[in-house]
Amino acid sequence: MTKIDWSKYPPIPGFNSLEWKRETQKKIYEEIKDMTWEEQRERLCRNSETFQESQCRHRTERKASEI
C-alpha cells in the first residue's frame, strides 16, 4: 500500500470542505431534480466517462513531461 506524505499538501487557507460539499450537492440536486431514474443514470455514466477520459489525459501528459 502506498503511503501519502500529507505534509506536501498543506490545507488551502479559507477553504471550507463542508460548505463546498453542500454547494456541490445542491448544484447536482438542482440539475437532476426533474430527471427520471434513467436520465439520472445516463448523466452519471456520461460524467463518469468524461472524468475517466480527463484522468487518462492527465496521466499521459504527466508521463510525457517526466521524460
Protein backbone atom coordinates (compact mmCIF):
# COMPACT_ATOMS: atom_id res chain seq x y z
CA MET A 1 0.00 0.00 0.00
CA THR A 2 1.32 3.42 -0.93
CA LYS A 3 1.68 5.89 1.91
CA ILE A 4 0.93 9.52 1.18
CA ASP A 5 3.12 12.25 2.61
CA TRP A 6 0.38 14.72 3.54
CA SER A 7 2.94 17.36 4.51
CA LYS A 8 3.34 18.02 0.76
CA TYR A 9 -0.32 19.06 0.60
CA PRO A 10 -0.96 21.86 3.08
CA PRO A 11 -4.56 22.96 3.69
CA ILE A 12 -5.92 25.73 1.50
CA PRO A 13 -6.42 28.82 3.66
CA GLY A 14 -10.09 29.76 3.93
CA PHE A 15 -11.35 26.61 2.16
CA ASN A 16 -14.32 25.02 3.92
CA SER A 17 -14.76 21.45 2.67
CA LEU A 18 -18.21 21.03 4.25
CA GLU A 19 -19.51 24.20 2.61
CA TRP A 20 -18.02 23.08 -0.73
CA LYS A 21 -19.74 19.68 -0.31
CA ARG A 22 -23.10 21.31 0.48
CA GLU A 23 -22.88 23.66 -2.51
CA THR A 24 -21.85 20.85 -4.86
CA GLN A 25 -24.67 18.59 -3.68
CA LYS A 26 -27.15 21.46 -4.04
CA LYS A 27 -25.98 22.09 -7.61
CA ILE A 28 -26.28 18.41 -8.52
CA TYR A 29 -29.74 18.18 -6.95
CA GLU A 30 -30.90 21.20 -8.97
CA GLU A 31 -29.62 19.55 -12.15
CA ILE A 32 -31.30 16.19 -11.55
CA LYS A 33 -34.47 17.03 -9.61
CA ASP A 34 -36.75 16.80 -12.66
CA MET A 35 -34.97 13.82 -14.26
CA THR A 36 -36.23 10.25 -14.34
CA TRP A 37 -34.04 7.49 -12.92
CA GLU A 38 -32.95 6.60 -16.45
CA GLU A 39 -31.94 10.19 -17.19
CA GLN A 40 -30.04 10.37 -13.90
CA ARG A 41 -28.24 7.13 -14.71
CA GLU A 42 -27.30 8.39 -18.18
CA ARG A 43 -25.98 11.63 -16.67
CA LEU A 44 -23.91 9.71 -14.14
CA CYS A 45 -22.44 7.45 -16.82
CA ARG A 46 -21.68 10.41 -19.10
CA ASN A 47 -19.98 12.35 -16.29
CA SER A 48 -18.05 9.26 -15.20
CA GLU A 49 -16.75 8.70 -18.75
CA THR A 50 -15.76 12.37 -19.04
CA PHE A 51 -13.92 12.18 -15.70
CA GLN A 52 -12.10 9.00 -16.68
CA GLU A 53 -11.05 10.49 -20.03
CA SER A 54 -9.69 13.60 -18.30
CA GLN A 55 -7.75 11.43 -15.82
CA CYS A 56 -6.23 9.37 -18.65
CA ARG A 57 -5.27 12.55 -20.50
CA HIS A 58 -3.74 13.99 -17.31
CA ARG A 59 -1.67 10.83 -16.69
CA THR A 60 -0.45 10.78 -20.30
CA GLU A 61 0.57 14.44 -20.14
CA ARG A 62 2.33 13.89 -16.80
CA LYS A 63 4.27 10.89 -18.13
CA ALA A 64 5.28 12.85 -21.23
CA SER A 65 6.56 15.74 -19.10
CA GLU A 66 8.64 13.34 -16.98
CA ILE A 67 10.57 12.07 -19.99
